Amino acid sequence: MAQVAVDTELATLFAQAGAESAPAYERIKRMVVARIEAGHWTEGDLLPSESQLVAALKLSRMTVNRALRELAAEGVVQRLMGVGTFVAPAKKPSALFEVKNIADEVQQRGHRHRTEVILLRREQTDPVTTPLLREMVQDTVFHSLLVHFEDDVPIQVEDRFVAPAVAPGYLEQDFTKRTPNSYLSEVAPLVRGEHVVEAVHGSPEECRLLHIARDEPCLLIRRRTWAASGLVSAARLVHPGSRNRLEGTFTP
């Protein structure tokens, strides 16, 4: 990834980014967008740091921070905590009406998928604190928490509960080599699915795992799937809003 140079040109570009009456944070945003649209800054380029922009533009850190936060929320840039701010790639499409394997989606885009397993264990069923489990009749469930990466960028936190009676070998799987979707599709073929989509802020742990700021909007999909024998899986899938979009097709 290339580092964007910081020099006196930034101050000139900032001055050209709008009328003096426009708020300073808005002029910063226009400057960044203009540089990207002109091809001077390209996907993956590391932008100047907040400190560098404050010094170059003679503005407050609060103003610069607001501009970068809003650009991240709009999907123009991508902010990785402790790393920096980058020109964001085009948003990755995810299927809205289909239950697809995330590894296949990433590979179809020509990129590398990998998974980190954060948690994999048996737990007591608690439909009160976990409403997604309201149809699971077993006393215990299998619980997995995974982070999916596209190349080296985290794009989804997958928090999943699975019915042991339907997928008894779940805890023995190596989910760094295959996804839960792949395994469950094999042992409990889908007959029905349910999606609930929301715009949310991730939990502190989800933001940490996704390397995003606490105030970045996220796309949440609550997904439940059934096999012929009943409810198989209930999952909470969290995507950074700046890195993903949902798309689907339908007929009358």
C-alpha atoms as a PDB file:
ATOM      1  CA  MET A   1       0.000   0.000   0.000  1.00  0.00           C
ATOM      2  CA  ALA A   2       1.360   3.387  -0.961  1.00  0.00           C
ATOM      3  CA  GLN A   3       1.750   6.257   1.519  1.00  0.00           C
ATOM      4  CA  VAL A   4       0.176   9.470   0.245  1.00  0.00           C
ATOM      5  CA  ALA A   5       2.653  12.336   0.476  1.00  0.00           C
ATOM      6  CA  VAL A   6       1.888  15.294   2.734  1.00  0.00           C
ATOM      7  CA  ASP A   7       3.100  18.620   1.378  1.00  0.00           C
ATOM      8  CA  THR A   8       1.988  22.192   0.740  1.00  0.00           C
ATOM      9  CA  GLU A   9      -0.207  20.945  -2.125  1.00  0.00           C
ATOM     10  CA  LEU A  10      -2.751  19.762   0.463  1.00  0.00           C
ATOM     11  CA  ALA A  11      -3.266  23.270   1.742  1.00  0.00           C
ATOM     12  CA  THR A  12      -3.855  24.480  -1.814  1.00  0.00           C
ATOM     13  CA  LEU A  13      -6.304  21.647  -2.525  1.00  0.00           C
ATOM     14  CA  PHE A  14      -8.139  22.383   0.709  1.00  0.00           C
ATOM     15  CA  ALA A  15      -8.529  26.021  -0.290  1.00  0.00           C
ATOM     16  CA  GLN A  16      -9.970  24.920  -3.637  1.00  0.00           C
ATOM     17  CA  ALA A  17     -12.410  22.433  -2.096  1.00  0.00           C
ATOM     18  CA  GLY A  18     -15.239  24.906  -1.626  1.00  0.00           C
ATOM     19  CA  ALA A  19     -16.280  28.366  -0.643  1.00  0.00           C
ATOM     20  CA  GLU A  20     -14.776  29.823   2.504  1.00  0.00           C
ATOM     21  CA  SER A  21     -18.260  29.739   4.037  1.00  0.00           C
ATOM     22  CA  ALA A  22     -18.375  25.928   3.796  1.00  0.00           C
ATOM     23  CA  PRO A  23     -17.510  24.162   7.074  1.00  0.00           C
ATOM     24  CA  ALA A  24     -13.873  23.133   7.237  1.00  0.00           C
ATOM     25  CA  TYR A  25     -14.683  19.453   7.784  1.00  0.00           C
ATOM     26  CA  GLU A  26     -16.844  19.480   4.629  1.00  0.00           C
ATOM     27  CA  ARG A  27     -14.008  21.004   2.612  1.00  0.00           C
ATOM     28  CA  ILE A  28     -11.654  18.282   3.841  1.00  0.00           C
ATOM     29  CA  LYS A  29     -14.155  15.663   2.679  1.00  0.00           C
ATOM     30  CA  ARG A  30     -14.468  17.318  -0.751  1.00  0.00           C
ATOM     31  CA  MET A  31     -10.685  17.442  -1.050  1.00  0.00           C
ATOM     32  CA  VAL A  32     -10.289  13.745  -0.268  1.00  0.00           C
ATOM     33  CA  VAL A  33     -13.103  12.709  -2.624  1.00  0.00           C
ATOM     34  CA  ALA A  34     -11.699  14.904  -5.417  1.00  0.00           C
ATOM     35  CA  ARG A  35      -8.230  13.340  -5.067  1.00  0.00           C
ATOM     36  CA  ILE A  36      -9.714   9.853  -5.204  1.00  0.00           C
ATOM     37  CA  GLU A  37     -11.992  10.574  -8.165  1.00  0.00           C
ATOM     38  CA  ALA A  38      -9.066  12.110 -10.069  1.00  0.00           C
ATOM     39  CA  GLY A  39      -7.037   8.942  -9.503  1.00  0.00           C
ATOM     40  CA  HIS A  40      -4.320  10.644  -7.448  1.00  0.00           C
ATOM     41  CA  TRP A  41      -5.229   8.528  -4.429  1.00  0.00           C
ATOM     42  CA  THR A  42      -6.231   4.952  -5.217  1.00  0.00           C
ATOM     43  CA  GLU A  43      -7.654   1.916  -3.432  1.00  0.00           C
ATOM     44  CA  GLY A  44      -5.439   0.887  -0.528  1.00  0.00           C
ATOM     45  CA  ASP A  45      -3.391   4.098  -0.366  1.00  0.00           C
ATOM     46  CA  LEU A  46      -2.522   5.154   3.174  1.00  0.00           C
ATOM     47  CA  LEU A  47      -3.733   8.707   3.702  1.00  0.00           C
ATOM     48  CA  PRO A  48      -2.002  11.339   5.814  1.00  0.00           C
ATOM     49  CA  SER A  49      -2.552  10.852   9.536  1.00  0.00           C
ATOM     50  CA  GLU A  50      -4.775  13.140  11.576  1.00  0.00           C
ATOM     51  CA  SER A  51      -1.665  14.826  12.984  1.00  0.00           C
ATOM     52  CA  GLN A  52      -0.242  15.388   9.504  1.00  0.00           C
ATOM     53  CA  LEU A  53      -3.521  16.856   8.244  1.00  0.00           C
ATOM     54  CA  VAL A  54      -3.817  19.105  11.296  1.00  0.00           C
ATOM     55  CA  ALA A  55      -0.312  20.457  10.643  1.00  0.00           C
ATOM     56  CA  ALA A  56      -0.722  20.797   6.863  1.00  0.00           C
ATOM     57  CA  LEU A  57      -4.172  22.413   6.931  1.00  0.00           C
ATOM     58  CA  LYS A  58      -3.779  24.420  10.156  1.00  0.00           C
ATOM     59  CA  LEU A  59      -7.038  23.030  11.537  1.00  0.00           C
ATOM     60  CA  SER A  60      -8.100  21.508  14.841  1.00  0.00           C
ATOM     61  CA  ARG A  61      -7.848  17.788  15.416  1.00  0.00           C
ATOM     62  CA  MET A  62     -11.594  17.708  16.129  1.00  0.00           C
ATOM     63  CA  THR A  63     -12.342  19.096  12.656  1.00  0.00           C
ATOM     64  CA  VAL A  64     -10.026  16.644  10.892  1.00  0.00           C
ATOM     65  CA  ASN A  65     -11.347  13.742  12.940  1.00  0.00           C
ATOM     66  CA  ARG A  66     -14.956  14.598  12.041  1.00  0.00           C
ATOM     67  CA  ALA A  67     -14.139  14.677   8.333  1.00  0.00           C
ATOM     68  CA  LEU A  68     -12.402  11.304   8.435  1.00  0.00           C
ATOM     69  CA  ARG A  69     -15.158   9.739  10.544  1.00  0.00           C
ATOM     70  CA  GLU A  70     -17.832  10.880   8.114  1.00  0.00           C
ATOM     71  CA  LEU A  71     -15.809   9.683   5.119  1.00  0.00           C
ATOM     72  CA  ALA A  72     -15.456   6.286   6.794  1.00  0.00           C
ATOM     73  CA  ALA A  73     -19.209   6.123   7.481  1.00  0.00           C
ATOM     74  CA  GLU A  74     -19.858   6.927   3.808  1.00  0.00           C
ATOM     75  CA  GLY A  75     -17.493   4.158   2.671  1.00  0.00           C
ATOM     76  CA  VAL A  76     -14.967   6.506   1.047  1.00  0.00           C
ATOM     77  CA  VAL A  77     -12.113   5.645   3.391  1.00  0.00           C
ATOM     78  CA  GLN A  78     -11.366   2.781   5.709  1.00  0.00           C
ATOM     79  CA  ARG A  79      -9.971   3.376   9.204  1.00  0.00           C
ATOM     80  CA  LEU A  80      -8.030   0.621  10.959  1.00  0.00           C
ATOM     81  CA  MET A  81      -7.333   1.321  14.606  1.00  0.00           C
ATOM     82  CA  GLY A  82      -3.639   1.674  15.310  1.00  0.00           C
ATOM     83  CA  VAL A  83      -2.804   1.408  11.604  1.00  0.00           C
ATOM     84  CA  GLY A  84      -4.218   4.402   9.735  1.00  0.00           C
ATOM     85  CA  THR A  85      -6.767   5.640   7.213  1.00  0.00           C
ATOM     86  CA  PHE A  86      -6.853   4.104   3.736  1.00  0.00           C
ATOM     87  CA  VAL A  87      -8.709   4.723   0.499  1.00  0.00           C
ATOM     88  CA  ALA A  88     -11.518   2.183   0.725  1.00  0.00           C
ATOM     89  CA  PRO A  89     -12.056  -0.467  -1.930  1.00  0.00           C
ATOM     90  CA  ALA A  90     -15.433  -0.736  -3.592  1.00  0.00           C
ATOM     91  CA  LYS A  91     -17.956  -2.176  -1.164  1.00  0.00           C
ATOM     92  CA  LYS A  92     -18.137  -5.958  -1.202  1.00  0.00           C
ATOM     93  CA  PRO A  93     -21.560  -7.282  -2.213  1.00  0.00           C
ATOM     94  CA  SER A  94     -23.222  -9.913  -0.033  1.00  0.00           C
ATOM     95  CA  ALA A  95     -26.328 -11.863  -0.935  1.00  0.00           C
ATOM     96  CA  LEU A  96     -29.506 -10.582   0.695  1.00  0.00           C
ATOM     97  CA  PHE A  97     -31.946 -13.389  -0.106  1.00  0.00           C
ATOM     98  CA  GLU A  98     -29.539 -16.331  -0.365  1.00  0.00           C
ATOM     99  CA  VAL A  99     -27.497 -18.153   2.264  1.00  0.00           C
ATOM    100  CA  LYS A 100     -24.078 -18.187   0.629  1.00  0.00           C
ATOM    101  CA  ASN A 101     -20.706 -19.378   1.826  1.00  0.00           C
ATOM    102  CA  ILE A 102     -18.644 -16.267   2.599  1.00  0.00           C
ATOM    103  CA  ALA A 103     -15.458 -18.046   1.517  1.00  0.00           C
ATOM    104  CA  ASP A 104     -16.947 -18.624  -1.942  1.00  0.00           C
ATOM    105  CA  GLU A 105     -18.020 -14.976  -2.231  1.00  0.00           C
ATOM    106  CA  VAL A 106     -14.517 -13.742  -1.378  1.00  0.00           C
ATOM    107  CA  GLN A 107     -12.823 -16.153  -3.756  1.00  0.00           C
ATOM    108  CA  GLN A 108     -15.223 -15.246  -6.569  1.00  0.00           C
ATOM    109  CA  ARG A 109     -13.994 -11.669  -6.202  1.00  0.00           C
ATOM    110  CA  GLY A 110     -10.462 -12.918  -6.777  1.00  0.00           C
ATOM    111  CA  HIS A 111      -9.338 -12.456  -3.186  1.00  0.00           C
ATOM    112  CA  ARG A 112      -8.117 -14.710  -0.376  1.00  0.00           C
ATOM    113  CA  HIS A 113     -10.427 -15.808   2.442  1.00  0.00           C
ATOM    114  CA  ARG A 114      -9.260 -16.838   5.875  1.00  0.00           C
ATOM    115  CA  THR A 115     -10.922 -17.334   9.232  1.00  0.00           C
ATOM    116  CA  GLU A 116      -9.849 -16.782  12.821  1.00  0.00           C
ATOM    117  CA  VAL A 117     -11.643 -18.866  15.453  1.00  0.00           C
ATOM    118  CA  ILE A 118     -12.236 -16.819  18.600  1.00  0.00           C
ATOM    119  CA  LEU A 119     -14.504 -19.245  20.441  1.00  0.00           C
ATOM    120  CA  LEU A 120     -15.842 -22.786  19.883  1.00  0.00           C
ATOM    121  CA  ARG A 121     -17.642 -24.554  22.756  1.00  0.00           C
ATOM    122  CA  ARG A 122     -20.826 -26.072  24.218  1.00  0.00           C
ATOM    123  CA  GLU A 123     -23.042 -23.753  26.298  1.00  0.00           C
ATOM    124  CA  GLN A 124     -26.333 -23.824  28.163  1.00  0.00           C
ATOM    125  CA  THR A 125     -29.312 -22.727  26.076  1.00  0.00           C
ATOM    126  CA  ASP A 126     -30.645 -19.344  27.194  1.00  0.00           C
ATOM    127  CA  PRO A 127     -33.581 -18.154  25.046  1.00  0.00           C
ATOM    128  CA  VAL A 128     -34.126 -15.204  27.405  1.00  0.00           C
ATOM    129  CA  THR A 129     -30.749 -13.561  26.766  1.00  0.00           C
ATOM    130  CA  THR A 130     -30.439 -14.972  23.238  1.00  0.00           C
ATOM    131  CA  PRO A 131     -33.878 -14.617  21.558  1.00  0.00           C
ATOM    132  CA  LEU A 132     -32.593 -16.231  18.367  1.00  0.00           C
ATOM    133  CA  LEU A 133     -32.604 -19.555  20.271  1.00  0.00           C
ATOM    134  CA  ARG A 134     -36.294 -19.481  21.133  1.00  0.00           C
ATOM    135  CA  GLU A 135     -37.063 -22.566  19.004  1.00  0.00           C
ATOM    136  CA  MET A 136     -34.111 -24.647  20.182  1.00  0.00           C
ATOM    137  CA  VAL A 137     -35.429 -27.250  22.598  1.00  0.00           C
ATOM    138  CA  GLN A 138     -32.066 -28.725  23.656  1.00  0.00           C
ATOM    139  CA  ASP A 139     -30.573 -27.876  27.055  1.00  0.00           C
ATOM    140  CA  THR A 140     -27.254 -26.979  25.423  1.00  0.00           C
ATOM    141  CA  VAL A 141     -26.088 -25.459  22.139  1.00  0.00           C
ATOM    142  CA  PHE A 142     -22.802 -25.268  20.282  1.00  0.00           C
ATOM    143  CA  HIS A 143     -21.460 -21.715  20.163  1.00  0.00           C
ATOM    144  CA  SER A 144     -18.838 -20.418  17.717  1.00  0.00           C
ATOM    145  CA  LEU A 145     -17.396 -16.938  17.270  1.00  0.00           C
ATOM    146  CA  LEU A 146     -15.362 -16.393  14.102  1.00  0.00           C
ATOM    147  CA  VAL A 147     -13.843 -13.490  12.188  1.00  0.00           C
ATOM    148  CA  HIS A 148     -13.779 -13.731   8.381  1.00  0.00           C
ATOM    149  CA  PHE A 149     -11.079 -11.884   6.437  1.00  0.00           C
ATOM    150  CA  GLU A 150     -10.818 -10.815   2.816  1.00  0.00           C
ATOM    151  CA  ASP A 151      -7.084 -10.818   2.206  1.00  0.00           C
ATOM    152  CA  ASP A 152      -5.955  -9.225   5.503  1.00  0.00           C
ATOM    153  CA  VAL A 153      -9.035  -7.063   6.145  1.00  0.00           C
ATOM    154  CA  PRO A 154     -11.725  -8.320   8.580  1.00  0.00           C
ATOM    155  CA  ILE A 155     -15.126  -8.150   6.864  1.00  0.00           C
ATOM    156  CA  GLN A 156     -17.457 -10.137   9.128  1.00  0.00           C
ATOM    157  CA  VAL A 157     -17.859 -11.275  12.729  1.00  0.00           C
ATOM    158  CA  GLU A 158     -19.919 -14.481  12.777  1.00  0.00           C
ATOM    159  CA  ASP A 159     -21.497 -15.291  16.155  1.00  0.00           C
ATOM    160  CA  ARG A 160     -23.369 -18.580  15.701  1.00  0.00           C
ATOM    161  CA  PHE A 161     -25.385 -21.027  17.805  1.00  0.00           C
ATOM    162  CA  VAL A 162     -26.006 -24.545  16.482  1.00  0.00           C
ATOM    163  CA  ALA A 163     -28.363 -27.353  17.557  1.00  0.00           C
ATOM    164  CA  PRO A 164     -26.184 -30.302  18.710  1.00  0.00           C
ATOM    165  CA  ALA A 165     -28.743 -32.934  17.722  1.00  0.00           C
ATOM    166  CA  VAL A 166     -28.702 -31.733  14.110  1.00  0.00           C
ATOM    167  CA  ALA A 167     -24.946 -31.170  13.761  1.00  0.00           C
ATOM    168  CA  PRO A 168     -23.268 -33.380  16.396  1.00  0.00           C
ATOM    169  CA  GLY A 169     -19.786 -33.028  14.897  1.00  0.00           C
ATOM    170  CA  TYR A 170     -19.751 -29.225  14.941  1.00  0.00           C
ATOM    171  CA  LEU A 171     -17.185 -28.789  17.716  1.00  0.00           C
ATOM    172  CA  GLU A 172     -14.763 -31.183  16.012  1.00  0.00           C
ATOM    173  CA  GLN A 173     -14.556 -29.101  12.822  1.00  0.00           C
ATOM    174  CA  ASP A 174     -11.513 -27.029  11.880  1.00  0.00           C
ATOM    175  CA  PHE A 175     -13.172 -23.782  10.854  1.00  0.00           C
ATOM    176  CA  THR A 176      -9.891 -22.332   9.628  1.00  0.00           C
ATOM    177  CA  LYS A 177     -10.180 -24.832   6.769  1.00  0.00           C
ATOM    178  CA  ARG A 178     -13.920 -24.807   6.114  1.00  0.00           C
ATOM    179  CA  THR A 179     -16.710 -22.465   7.127  1.00  0.00           C
ATOM    180  CA  PRO A 180     -19.637 -23.349   9.391  1.00  0.00           C
ATOM    181  CA  ASN A 181     -21.889 -22.681   6.392  1.00  0.00           C
ATOM    182  CA  SER A 182     -20.073 -25.353   4.391  1.00  0.00           C
ATOM    183  CA  TYR A 183     -20.282 -27.929   7.177  1.00  0.00           C
ATOM    184  CA  LEU A 184     -23.925 -27.254   8.055  1.00  0.00           C
ATOM    185  CA  SER A 185     -25.003 -27.336   4.404  1.00  0.00           C
ATOM    186  CA  GLU A 186     -23.531 -30.822   4.225  1.00  0.00           C
ATOM    187  CA  VAL A 187     -24.979 -32.346   7.416  1.00  0.00           C
ATOM    188  CA  ALA A 188     -28.287 -30.438   7.592  1.00  0.00           C
ATOM    189  CA  PRO A 189     -29.411 -29.222   4.137  1.00  0.00           C
ATOM    190  CA  LEU A 190     -31.375 -25.982   4.246  1.00  0.00           C
ATOM    191  CA  VAL A 191     -35.147 -26.082   3.776  1.00  0.00           C
ATOM    192  CA  ARG A 192     -35.981 -22.615   5.138  1.00  0.00           C
ATOM    193  CA  GLY A 193     -34.145 -19.450   6.142  1.00  0.00           C
ATOM    194  CA  GLU A 194     -34.872 -16.157   7.893  1.00  0.00           C
ATOM    195  CA  HIS A 195     -32.976 -12.863   7.571  1.00  0.00           C
ATOM    196  CA  VAL A 196     -33.419  -9.756   9.691  1.00  0.00           C
ATOM    197  CA  VAL A 197     -31.221  -6.830   8.593  1.00  0.00           C
ATOM    198  CA  GLU A 198     -30.417  -3.800  10.746  1.00  0.00           C
ATOM    199  CA  ALA A 199     -28.035  -0.852  10.853  1.00  0.00           C
ATOM    200  CA  VAL A 200     -26.246  -0.884  14.217  1.00  0.00           C
ATOM    201  CA  HIS A 201     -23.086   0.009  16.050  1.00  0.00           C
ATOM    202  CA  GLY A 202     -21.042  -3.063  16.858  1.00  0.00           C
ATOM    203  CA  SER A 203     -20.351  -4.105  20.423  1.00  0.00           C
ATOM    204  CA  PRO A 204     -16.938  -3.110  21.831  1.00  0.00           C
ATOM    205  CA  GLU A 205     -15.698  -6.658  21.188  1.00  0.00           C
ATOM    206  CA  GLU A 206     -17.049  -6.718  17.621  1.00  0.00           C
ATOM    207  CA  CYS A 207     -15.403  -3.362  16.859  1.00  0.00           C
ATOM    208  CA  ARG A 208     -12.121  -4.661  18.234  1.00  0.00           C
ATOM    209  CA  LEU A 209     -12.315  -7.816  16.114  1.00  0.00           C
ATOM    210  CA  LEU A 210     -13.211  -5.817  12.976  1.00  0.00           C
ATOM    211  CA  HIS A 211     -10.513  -3.176  13.619  1.00  0.00           C
ATOM    212  CA  ILE A 212     -13.032  -0.350  13.421  1.00  0.00           C
ATOM    213  CA  ALA A 213     -13.876   2.667  15.557  1.00  0.00           C
ATOM    214  CA  ARG A 214     -16.752   2.369  18.041  1.00  0.00           C
ATOM    215  CA  ASP A 215     -18.833   4.920  16.113  1.00  0.00           C
ATOM    216  CA  GLU A 216     -18.590   3.259  12.690  1.00  0.00           C
ATOM    217  CA  PRO A 217     -21.994   2.058  11.438  1.00  0.00           C
ATOM    218  CA  CYS A 218     -22.286  -1.678  10.913  1.00  0.00           C
ATOM    219  CA  LEU A 219     -24.618  -3.910   8.953  1.00  0.00           C
ATOM    220  CA  LEU A 220     -26.147  -6.638  11.120  1.00  0.00           C
ATOM    221  CA  ILE A 221     -27.825  -9.728   9.708  1.00  0.00           C
ATOM    222  CA  ARG A 222     -29.645 -11.989  12.138  1.00  0.00           C
ATOM    223  CA  ARG A 223     -29.964 -15.276  10.295  1.00  0.00           C
ATOM    224  CA  ARG A 224     -31.774 -18.462  11.278  1.00  0.00           C
ATOM    225  CA  THR A 225     -31.833 -21.623   9.181  1.00  0.00           C
ATOM    226  CA  TRP A 226     -33.939 -24.762   9.346  1.00  0.00           C
ATOM    227  CA  ALA A 227     -33.439 -28.304   8.058  1.00  0.00           C
ATOM    228  CA  ALA A 228     -36.190 -30.878   7.737  1.00  0.00           C
ATOM    229  CA  SER A 229     -35.644 -31.833  11.395  1.00  0.00           C
ATOM    230  CA  GLY A 230     -36.017 -28.284  12.730  1.00  0.00           C
ATOM    231  CA  LEU A 231     -33.985 -25.206  13.622  1.00  0.00           C
ATOM    232  CA  VAL A 232     -30.311 -25.794  12.855  1.00  0.00           C
ATOM    233  CA  SER A 233     -28.514 -22.518  13.390  1.00  0.00           C
ATOM    234  CA  ALA A 234     -29.021 -18.983  14.690  1.00  0.00           C
ATOM    235  CA  ALA A 235     -26.328 -16.466  13.762  1.00  0.00           C
ATOM    236  CA  ARG A 236     -25.481 -12.819  14.292  1.00  0.00           C
ATOM    237  CA  LEU A 237     -23.382 -11.595  11.326  1.00  0.00           C
ATOM    238  CA  VAL A 238     -21.794  -8.160  11.747  1.00  0.00           C
ATOM    239  CA  HIS A 239     -20.176  -6.334   8.802  1.00  0.00           C
ATOM    240  CA  PRO A 240     -18.449  -2.921   8.824  1.00  0.00           C
ATOM    241  CA  GLY A 241     -20.761  -0.602   6.903  1.00  0.00           C
ATOM    242  CA  SER A 242     -17.837   0.905   4.991  1.00  0.00           C
ATOM    243  CA  ARG A 243     -16.770  -2.482   3.597  1.00  0.00           C
ATOM    244  CA  ASN A 244     -20.002  -4.227   2.661  1.00  0.00           C
ATOM    245  CA  ARG A 245     -23.311  -3.858   0.893  1.00  0.00           C
ATOM    246  CA  LEU A 246     -26.249  -6.214   0.455  1.00  0.00           C
ATOM    247  CA  GLU A 247     -27.782  -6.961  -2.899  1.00  0.00           C
ATOM    248  CA  GLY A 248     -30.423  -9.338  -4.161  1.00  0.00           C
ATOM    249  CA  THR A 249     -32.824 -10.018  -6.986  1.00  0.00           C
ATOM    250  CA  PHE A 250     -36.499 -10.868  -6.904  1.00  0.00           C
ATOM    251  CA  THR A 251     -39.433 -11.477  -9.205  1.00  0.00           C
ATOM    252  CA  PRO A 252     -43.114 -10.532  -8.799  1.00  0.00           C
END
